[in-house]
Every structure is written in structure tokens, then in C-alpha cells.
Amino acid sequence: MKKSKFALMCLALGFATASCENELENLGLQSTSQSQNVGVASTSGQDIPQILALKTPTGFTPLGENLRNLLVNKAVSPSECGPTEFVAVQNRQLTPLLNNLFSLFGTQYASIFYLYMDLNLYSAYFDTSAKQYFGKSGEYTNLVAKRKRDLEAFWDMPNQIQINGQHTATLNDREKLADVYEIVGANVNTREDAYRAADQILALNALSPYLPESPFFAIDGFATTYRNLIVIGDGLVELLTETGLEADIVWTGILAHEWAHQIQFKNMGAWYPGGAAKDPVEATRYTELEADFMAAYYMTHKRGATFNSKRVEQFFSLFFQIGDCSFASSGHHGTPAQRMAAARLGFELADQAQKQGHILTPQQAHEVFVSRIGTVL
């Protein structure tokens, strides 16, 4: 896997204010290699076995958007912006984790960090189990199932979308670890090789209270055309709820946002025949803000999630929290203010509709967003 696609993930989820490497340096630690290179013995601390190295699996569809990705360039000019409470929450969680990994693995600490994140990304991506659960103990499984039914009916998309949960517990499960190593292990040729790699991960887990329990190892949130899949990690929701947001609003907002991306995938040729914008950074921001808009429209609508006025500010805050100031990033999703504005536009569309029971089609909603994008930017 390319460093630019999967390694720059810190404070990430698409919401960070700097690259992962810069953030590690800000914390007083020096970043090193990615998980593909973990076969090199560390200069201090634990040695990392070659059997743990990963490869990009055959048939893997690169993720066009993942809430933890951060890609760096300079295509968007800065404007007034600042970090949200969500960034502070991530820093509080990330600092002790990285310090612990550094004490254990020396200069290879970043390799372990990326290895665990990548393993769980692939595990969630390739998981074909029909029995999914959401929340560490499955406490949000019924909520996600209900939202899935609601979204299918709301956007007229019955039985089209697969939703997978991502859990740190996967990284403590020998069979599941062996399953993913059979797919992505660089030095795995047999099931026994896969078990050897899994046992090495379990041995590393025993060394640290953060392995694999840190929420950073389950922070994926993405939609992909592969099996029309959406993945939501427990850690992503955990970190967002630490900002004071209610868990059901976080689950609903993320799912509705990623569902909107699935709608965009279905209509890509008609809606963006030449791309959402000539500049790839502008294109990313445009589609992300539209997904926020469509999510908020569903969340407010009387035939959608039906959040009442007292909870409206909560989901405005959700989209504000996941804004970013990474203007030099091709993964820039929009500033906090822009993301809140996009959500507010979706809320107003549903709240002020003359026919409260009427649901706009995806095409009609898209046309509204296109006509009003200037008010968001």
C-alpha cells in the first residue's frame, strides 16, 4: 500500500490539522517506516518479525475516501480556521499510546502503529460475514440496523448496501488475524504461516495495555464501491463522543454521510462527468460537503431519522467537529464552519419543506446542493 494512501493517518479520519509524521514529531517522537517495512530489527526495544510485514492484496480497490486519511498537497488556499475539540481528544488519546509504543519498540514504534491500523482496515474491508455488530459489545447493533432500514427506504435503495463494524477485538482474535494475514501477509504462504503471524500479534498485545485496545486501531469510516460497502469503527465513534456528542447522533451522522457517498458512486457519471471540480482538492471538498448536506437532510426529515429541534445543534456540532484545516491536503473535507454550513443547509431543506412528508430524490437533492453551494463556501 502506498504511504500517501494509508500511512498518513494520525489525528486523521480526514479531520487532522497536520500530517501524521508531523504530528508524531510534535509529540516528541520521530516517525519511521510503514507496516510493509516492519521486518527490520529495531535499534532499541523489541525486534519486529518479518512475518508481520503486509502487502497490498490482489483485487483491493483503493479507498477514494476514508475518514482517517490525510493526503498532502497545496491546492487549497488557507482561510480563517482552527482545531476543534475533536483534535484535542485525539491528542489526549494519541500521546500516551505513542509514548508507550516508543518505550517498547524504539525507532520501530511507528511501524507497529501503522501495522495495527492497516491490519484492521483490511480485516473490516474483506469481512464478508453477514452477522455484523456495532459498538464494542454490540450495544449499537439494533440502532445501526434500524438506520440501515430507514436509509434504504428514504433513498429507495433496498438491499444495496453492506455495513461492517470495525473493532479492536479483532486484533486479539487468532482466527480473524490469521484470516487477514492470509490475504495481506507479505510472507504468508500457508495457513500455518498465517497462524504464526497471528501469534506474533498476540504476543505483542501482551506487552502493552494499548495493544490493541486503543481506539485508534478502529477508527476507519469509509464507503467503497467494493460490495457497496460502508465500514464504521468503534474507535471513531468513541473519540467523537468524547467531545460531548451523543453516541446515537454520531452513529447516525457517520452512517448517513457514508451512505451519501454510496449515492454519489451510483450517480458519478451523471453528476460529475468531468469530476466534481478540475482541482482534485476542490473535488474532494465538494463531494464531502454534499455528503454532509444529504446526511443532515435525512437526519432532520420527518420520514428520516426525525431528530427534533433540541437535537439539531448536536448534529450541527458533529459536522463542525469533523471539519479540518488541512488546506494543503487533497483529503481536505472542508473547514468546521463549511461542514456545519452544509449540514445546516440540509436541515433547512427538510425543516422548511412545504410538504413535510415528501422526500426529494437523490437527483433533486443534488440539484439543490449545486444551486446553493456558494452559501456553504
Protein backbone atom coordinates (compact mmCIF):
# COMPACT_ATOMS: atom_id res chain seq x y z
CA MET A 1 0.00 0.00 0.00
CA LYS A 2 1.20 3.50 -0.73
CA LYS A 3 2.25 5.73 2.10
CA SER A 4 0.17 8.59 0.74
CA LYS A 5 -2.96 6.47 0.78
CA PHE A 6 -2.90 4.61 4.06
CA ALA A 7 0.02 5.64 6.26
CA LEU A 8 -0.72 9.32 6.90
CA MET A 9 -3.50 8.63 9.33
CA CYS A 10 -2.80 10.37 12.59
CA LEU A 11 -5.49 12.50 14.16
CA ALA A 12 -6.83 11.59 10.90
CA LEU A 13 -10.22 10.38 9.95
CA GLY A 14 -9.82 13.08 7.33
CA PHE A 15 -10.05 15.67 10.11
CA ALA A 16 -6.43 16.30 11.15
CA THR A 17 -4.56 19.57 11.10
CA ALA A 18 -1.19 18.14 10.02
CA SER A 19 0.30 15.01 8.50
CA CYS A 20 0.81 12.00 10.73
CA GLU A 21 4.56 12.35 10.55
CA ASN A 22 4.39 15.98 11.60
CA GLU A 23 2.09 15.12 14.48
CA LEU A 24 4.42 12.40 15.71
CA GLU A 25 7.24 14.92 15.66
CA ASN A 26 5.07 17.41 17.55
CA LEU A 27 4.68 14.79 20.26
CA GLY A 28 8.45 14.46 20.56
CA LEU A 29 8.66 11.20 18.61
CA GLN A 30 10.26 10.53 15.26
CA SER A 31 8.17 8.69 12.68
CA THR A 32 9.73 5.82 10.78
CA SER A 33 8.58 3.26 8.27
CA GLN A 34 5.19 1.87 7.35
CA SER A 35 3.90 -1.61 8.08
CA GLN A 36 5.38 -3.07 4.89
CA ASN A 37 8.84 -2.48 6.36
CA VAL A 38 8.38 -3.91 9.82
CA GLY A 39 10.77 -6.79 9.22
CA VAL A 40 13.79 -4.69 10.25
CA ALA A 41 15.01 -5.17 13.82
CA SER A 42 14.67 -2.06 15.95
CA THR A 43 17.72 -0.29 17.32
CA SER A 44 16.18 -0.37 20.78
CA GLY A 45 13.30 -2.24 22.34
CA GLN A 46 11.61 -5.23 20.74
CA ASP A 47 12.55 -6.77 17.39
CA ILE A 48 9.70 -6.96 14.87
CA PRO A 49 9.48 -10.26 12.94
CA GLN A 50 9.46 -10.33 9.14
CA ILE A 51 6.34 -12.50 9.22
CA LEU A 52 4.30 -9.43 10.23
CA ALA A 53 5.01 -7.48 7.02
CA LEU A 54 1.98 -6.62 4.86
CA LYS A 55 1.36 -6.28 1.14
CA THR A 56 -1.40 -4.72 -0.91
CA PRO A 57 -3.71 -7.66 -1.66
CA THR A 58 -4.75 -8.60 -5.17
CA GLY A 59 -8.12 -7.11 -6.04
CA PHE A 60 -8.05 -4.44 -3.34
CA THR A 61 -9.93 -1.36 -4.51
CA PRO A 62 -8.12 1.78 -3.28
CA LEU A 63 -10.34 3.79 -0.98
CA GLY A 64 -11.30 7.08 -2.53
CA GLU A 65 -12.35 8.45 0.84
CA ASN A 66 -11.67 7.28 4.36
CA LEU A 67 -12.37 9.42 7.37
CA ARG A 68 -8.86 8.74 8.66
CA ASN A 69 -6.90 9.52 5.53
CA LEU A 70 -4.92 12.69 5.09
CA LEU A 71 -3.15 13.36 1.78
CA VAL A 72 -0.78 16.28 1.45
CA ASN A 73 -0.53 18.96 -1.22
CA LYS A 74 -1.03 22.72 -1.50
CA ALA A 75 -4.04 23.14 -3.74
CA VAL A 76 -6.37 24.97 -1.34
CA SER A 77 -5.64 28.44 -0.02
CA PRO A 78 -5.93 28.86 3.77
CA SER A 79 -8.73 30.81 5.39
CA GLU A 80 -9.55 31.56 9.00
CA CYS A 81 -9.73 28.21 10.75
CA GLY A 82 -8.73 26.47 13.95
CA PRO A 83 -8.72 22.99 15.52
CA THR A 84 -11.87 21.62 17.13
CA GLU A 85 -12.33 19.77 20.41
CA PHE A 86 -12.12 16.58 18.38
CA VAL A 87 -8.44 17.27 17.66
CA ALA A 88 -7.80 17.80 21.39
CA VAL A 89 -9.50 14.48 22.17
CA GLN A 90 -7.34 12.69 19.63
CA ASN A 91 -4.17 14.25 21.07
CA ARG A 92 -5.11 13.10 24.56
CA GLN A 93 -5.52 9.54 23.31
CA LEU A 94 -2.58 9.50 20.91
CA THR A 95 0.16 10.86 23.16
CA PRO A 96 0.25 8.04 25.78
CA LEU A 97 -0.19 5.42 23.05
CA LEU A 98 2.81 6.58 21.03
CA ASN A 99 4.98 7.10 24.09
CA ASN A 100 4.22 3.55 25.19
CA LEU A 101 4.99 2.13 21.75
CA PHE A 102 8.24 4.08 21.64
CA SER A 103 9.29 2.70 25.03
CA LEU A 104 8.64 -0.83 23.75
CA PHE A 105 9.81 -0.69 20.14
CA GLY A 106 12.20 2.22 19.89
CA THR A 107 12.54 3.55 16.36
CA GLN A 108 10.09 0.95 15.07
CA TYR A 109 7.17 2.30 17.12
CA ALA A 110 5.52 3.99 14.12
CA SER A 111 5.71 0.73 12.15
CA ILE A 112 3.71 -1.01 14.87
CA PHE A 113 1.21 1.86 14.96
CA TYR A 114 0.58 1.66 11.22
CA LEU A 115 0.65 -2.14 11.19
CA TYR A 116 -2.23 -2.40 13.64
CA MET A 117 -4.27 0.25 11.84
CA ASP A 118 -3.70 -1.37 8.45
CA LEU A 119 -4.49 -4.87 9.70
CA ASN A 120 -7.85 -3.75 11.00
CA LEU A 121 -8.60 -1.74 7.86
CA TYR A 122 -8.08 -4.82 5.71
CA SER A 123 -9.94 -7.04 8.13
CA ALA A 124 -13.04 -4.84 8.03
CA TYR A 125 -12.75 -4.36 4.28
CA PHE A 126 -12.61 -8.06 3.43
CA ASP A 127 -15.02 -9.30 6.10
CA THR A 128 -17.96 -10.96 4.33
CA SER A 129 -19.73 -12.13 7.47
CA ALA A 130 -23.43 -11.39 7.38
CA LYS A 131 -23.53 -11.15 11.18
CA GLN A 132 -22.07 -7.77 11.98
CA TYR A 133 -22.18 -5.95 15.30
CA PHE A 134 -21.64 -2.31 16.22
CA GLY A 135 -20.15 -0.99 19.44
CA LYS A 136 -17.59 -2.89 21.50
CA SER A 137 -20.26 -5.12 22.99
CA GLY A 138 -22.79 -4.82 20.19
CA GLU A 139 -24.73 -2.17 22.09
CA TYR A 140 -25.44 -0.17 18.91
CA THR A 141 -26.25 -3.08 16.61
CA ASN A 142 -30.01 -2.51 16.78
CA LEU A 143 -29.58 1.22 16.16
CA VAL A 144 -27.45 0.67 13.06
CA ALA A 145 -29.89 -1.96 11.78
CA LYS A 146 -32.76 0.49 12.19
CA ARG A 147 -30.86 3.30 10.49
CA LYS A 148 -29.98 0.96 7.63
CA ARG A 149 -33.66 0.12 7.11
CA ASP A 150 -34.57 3.81 7.32
CA LEU A 151 -31.89 4.85 4.83
CA GLU A 152 -32.89 2.10 2.41
CA ALA A 153 -36.47 3.33 2.45
CA PHE A 154 -35.59 7.03 2.49
CA TRP A 155 -33.31 6.91 -0.56
CA ASP A 156 -35.09 3.95 -2.23
CA MET A 157 -32.06 1.66 -2.04
CA PRO A 158 -33.34 -1.68 -0.66
CA ASN A 159 -30.71 -4.37 -0.02
CA GLN A 160 -27.97 -2.47 -1.83
CA ILE A 161 -25.52 -1.50 0.94
CA GLN A 162 -23.37 -3.69 3.22
CA ILE A 163 -22.33 -2.18 6.56
CA ASN A 164 -19.40 -3.66 8.50
CA GLY A 165 -18.33 -2.84 12.03
CA GLN A 166 -14.66 -2.46 12.94
CA HIS A 167 -13.47 -3.48 16.39
CA THR A 168 -10.19 -3.58 18.29
CA ALA A 169 -11.23 -7.05 19.50
CA THR A 170 -10.45 -8.33 16.00
CA LEU A 171 -6.77 -7.73 16.71
CA ASN A 172 -7.00 -10.08 19.69
CA ASP A 173 -8.70 -12.90 17.78
CA ARG A 174 -6.28 -15.57 16.48
CA GLU A 175 -8.62 -16.88 13.78
CA LYS A 176 -9.53 -13.43 12.47
CA LEU A 177 -5.91 -12.35 12.47
CA ALA A 178 -4.96 -15.48 10.54
CA ASP A 179 -7.77 -14.79 8.07
CA VAL A 180 -6.48 -11.30 7.29
CA TYR A 181 -2.84 -12.42 7.13
CA GLU A 182 -3.79 -15.00 4.52
CA ILE A 183 -4.95 -12.06 2.39
CA VAL A 184 -2.38 -9.37 3.16
CA GLY A 185 0.63 -11.14 4.64
CA ALA A 186 3.76 -10.40 2.62
CA ASN A 187 5.47 -13.58 3.83
CA VAL A 188 2.44 -15.83 4.30
CA ASN A 189 2.03 -18.82 2.01
CA THR A 190 0.08 -21.28 4.18
CA ARG A 191 -2.48 -21.23 6.97
CA GLU A 192 0.31 -22.19 9.35
CA ASP A 193 2.24 -19.09 8.27
CA ALA A 194 -0.89 -17.06 8.96
CA TYR A 195 -1.17 -18.55 12.44
CA ARG A 196 2.49 -17.75 13.10
CA ALA A 197 1.84 -14.11 12.22
CA ALA A 198 -1.32 -14.06 14.33
CA ASP A 199 0.55 -15.48 17.30
CA GLN A 200 3.19 -12.76 16.92
CA ILE A 201 0.48 -10.10 17.08
CA LEU A 202 -0.99 -11.75 20.19
CA ALA A 203 2.46 -11.74 21.75
CA LEU A 204 2.83 -8.02 21.02
CA ASN A 205 -0.62 -7.42 22.53
CA ALA A 206 0.59 -8.88 25.81
CA LEU A 207 3.34 -6.26 26.04
CA SER A 208 1.14 -3.16 26.19
CA PRO A 209 -2.20 -2.06 27.64
CA TYR A 210 -2.73 -0.06 24.43
CA LEU A 211 -2.40 -3.06 22.09
CA PRO A 212 -4.92 -3.49 20.63
CA GLU A 213 -7.30 -1.58 22.90
CA SER A 214 -6.52 1.95 21.70
CA PRO A 215 -9.48 3.43 19.78
CA PHE A 216 -7.03 4.48 17.06
CA PHE A 217 -6.92 0.88 15.88
CA ALA A 218 -10.64 1.01 15.00
CA ILE A 219 -11.10 4.50 13.58
CA ASP A 220 -11.96 3.73 9.98
CA GLY A 221 -15.05 5.25 8.42
CA PHE A 222 -15.43 4.85 4.69
CA ALA A 223 -17.63 3.91 1.78
CA THR A 224 -16.31 1.93 -1.18
CA THR A 225 -17.69 0.54 -4.41
CA TYR A 226 -16.36 -2.89 -3.37
CA ARG A 227 -19.55 -4.76 -2.45
CA ASN A 228 -21.16 -1.33 -1.91
CA LEU A 229 -19.51 -1.45 1.50
CA ILE A 230 -19.57 1.01 4.40
CA VAL A 231 -17.24 0.49 7.37
CA ILE A 232 -17.61 2.28 10.72
CA GLY A 233 -15.09 1.72 13.50
CA ASP A 234 -15.94 1.72 17.19
CA GLY A 235 -12.93 3.91 17.89
CA LEU A 236 -14.14 6.64 15.54
CA VAL A 237 -17.43 6.86 17.40
CA GLU A 238 -15.69 6.65 20.78
CA LEU A 239 -13.42 9.60 20.03
CA LEU A 240 -16.27 11.72 18.70
CA THR A 241 -18.48 11.03 21.72
CA GLU A 242 -15.64 12.19 23.97
CA THR A 243 -16.24 15.67 22.57
CA GLY A 244 -19.67 15.61 24.25
CA LEU A 245 -21.75 14.39 21.33
CA GLU A 246 -24.44 11.77 21.90
CA ALA A 247 -23.50 8.35 20.56
CA ASP A 248 -26.68 7.77 18.56
CA ILE A 249 -26.20 11.07 16.72
CA VAL A 250 -22.60 10.13 15.92
CA TRP A 251 -23.55 6.68 14.60
CA THR A 252 -26.43 8.14 12.58
CA GLY A 253 -24.41 11.04 11.20
CA ILE A 254 -21.44 8.94 10.08
CA LEU A 255 -23.66 6.27 8.54
CA ALA A 256 -25.79 8.86 6.74
CA HIS A 257 -22.67 10.62 5.47
CA GLU A 258 -21.13 7.42 4.10
CA TRP A 259 -24.48 6.40 2.63
CA ALA A 260 -24.49 9.69 0.75
CA HIS A 261 -21.14 8.69 -0.75
CA GLN A 262 -22.75 5.47 -1.98
CA ILE A 263 -25.41 7.60 -3.67
CA GLN A 264 -22.65 9.66 -5.27
CA PHE A 265 -20.95 6.48 -6.52
CA LYS A 266 -24.20 5.41 -8.20
CA ASN A 267 -24.57 8.80 -9.90
CA MET A 268 -20.94 9.67 -10.55
CA GLY A 269 -21.22 9.69 -14.34
CA ALA A 270 -24.33 11.86 -14.40
CA TRP A 271 -23.45 14.24 -11.58
CA TYR A 272 -19.72 14.66 -12.14
CA PRO A 273 -18.99 13.71 -15.77
CA GLY A 274 -15.78 15.73 -15.71
CA GLY A 275 -15.20 15.36 -12.00
CA ALA A 276 -16.74 17.42 -9.20
CA ALA A 277 -14.08 20.10 -9.89
CA LYS A 278 -10.96 20.44 -12.01
CA ASP A 279 -8.76 20.63 -8.95
CA PRO A 280 -8.75 17.29 -7.06
CA VAL A 281 -8.72 19.08 -3.70
CA GLU A 282 -11.75 21.14 -4.63
CA ALA A 283 -13.44 17.99 -5.93
CA THR A 284 -12.90 16.18 -2.63
CA ARG A 285 -14.21 19.10 -0.61
CA TYR A 286 -17.24 19.44 -2.89
CA THR A 287 -18.30 15.80 -2.59
CA GLU A 288 -17.65 15.74 1.16
CA LEU A 289 -19.79 18.82 1.76
CA GLU A 290 -22.55 17.37 -0.39
CA ALA A 291 -22.42 14.19 1.69
CA ASP A 292 -22.79 16.31 4.86
CA PHE A 293 -25.74 18.10 3.27
CA MET A 294 -27.51 14.89 2.28
CA ALA A 295 -26.83 13.32 5.67
CA ALA A 296 -28.36 16.26 7.51
CA TYR A 297 -31.37 16.24 5.18
CA TYR A 298 -32.05 12.60 6.11
CA MET A 299 -31.35 13.16 9.81
CA THR A 300 -33.86 16.02 10.06
CA HIS A 301 -36.59 14.77 7.76
CA LYS A 302 -39.90 13.65 9.24
CA ARG A 303 -39.55 10.36 7.35
CA GLY A 304 -35.84 10.06 8.10
CA ALA A 305 -34.14 9.99 11.49
CA THR A 306 -36.59 12.67 12.74
CA PHE A 307 -34.22 14.43 15.12
CA ASN A 308 -36.19 17.16 16.86
CA SER A 309 -35.15 20.77 17.25
CA LYS A 310 -33.46 20.16 20.62
CA ARG A 311 -31.07 17.74 18.96
CA VAL A 312 -30.42 19.78 15.85
CA GLU A 313 -27.49 21.59 17.45
CA GLN A 314 -25.95 18.22 18.32
CA PHE A 315 -25.68 17.12 14.73
CA PHE A 316 -24.55 20.59 13.66
CA SER A 317 -21.80 20.14 16.24
CA LEU A 318 -20.98 16.69 14.83
CA PHE A 319 -20.25 18.09 11.39
CA PHE A 320 -18.39 21.04 12.91
CA GLN A 321 -16.16 18.69 14.94
CA ILE A 322 -15.16 16.65 11.89
CA GLY A 323 -14.12 19.66 9.86
CA ASP A 324 -10.41 20.18 9.21
CA CYS A 325 -7.97 22.97 8.50
CA SER A 326 -5.70 20.91 6.25
CA PHE A 327 -5.82 23.28 3.32
CA ALA A 328 -2.70 21.72 1.81
CA SER A 329 -4.30 18.28 1.73
CA SER A 330 -6.03 16.58 -1.18
CA GLY A 331 -8.12 14.91 1.52
CA HIS A 332 -9.38 18.27 2.84
CA HIS A 333 -13.05 17.74 3.69
CA GLY A 334 -13.96 21.34 4.38
CA THR A 335 -13.43 23.61 7.37
CA PRO A 336 -15.53 23.14 10.51
CA ALA A 337 -17.59 26.18 9.54
CA GLN A 338 -18.14 24.90 5.99
CA ARG A 339 -19.17 21.43 7.16
CA MET A 340 -21.60 22.91 9.66
CA ALA A 341 -22.98 25.19 6.93
CA ALA A 342 -23.52 22.21 4.63
CA ALA A 343 -25.33 20.35 7.40
CA ARG A 344 -27.44 23.39 8.20
CA LEU A 345 -28.43 23.66 4.55
CA GLY A 346 -29.65 20.05 4.62
CA PHE A 347 -31.53 20.70 7.85
CA GLU A 348 -33.24 23.77 6.44
CA LEU A 349 -34.22 21.92 3.28
CA ALA A 350 -36.07 19.29 5.32
CA ASP A 351 -37.38 21.63 8.03
CA GLN A 352 -38.76 24.28 5.70
CA ALA A 353 -40.28 21.98 3.11
CA GLN A 354 -43.86 22.83 2.25
CA LYS A 355 -44.77 19.15 2.01
CA GLN A 356 -43.27 17.69 5.18
CA GLY A 357 -43.93 14.10 4.15
CA HIS A 358 -42.35 14.43 0.72
CA ILE A 359 -38.82 13.08 0.20
CA LEU A 360 -36.64 14.55 -2.52
CA THR A 361 -35.00 12.06 -4.82
CA PRO A 362 -31.19 11.93 -4.78
CA GLN A 363 -31.23 13.81 -8.08
CA GLN A 364 -33.44 16.57 -6.68
CA ALA A 365 -31.31 16.86 -3.53
CA HIS A 366 -28.17 17.06 -5.65
CA GLU A 367 -29.67 19.87 -7.72
CA VAL A 368 -30.50 21.84 -4.58
CA PHE A 369 -26.95 21.46 -3.31
CA VAL A 370 -25.45 22.52 -6.64
CA SER A 371 -27.62 25.64 -6.67
CA ARG A 372 -26.68 26.61 -3.10
CA ILE A 373 -23.04 25.52 -2.72
CA GLY A 374 -22.00 29.17 -2.79
CA THR A 375 -23.76 29.76 0.54
CA VAL A 376 -21.73 26.95 2.10
CA LEU A 377 -18.32 28.10 0.86
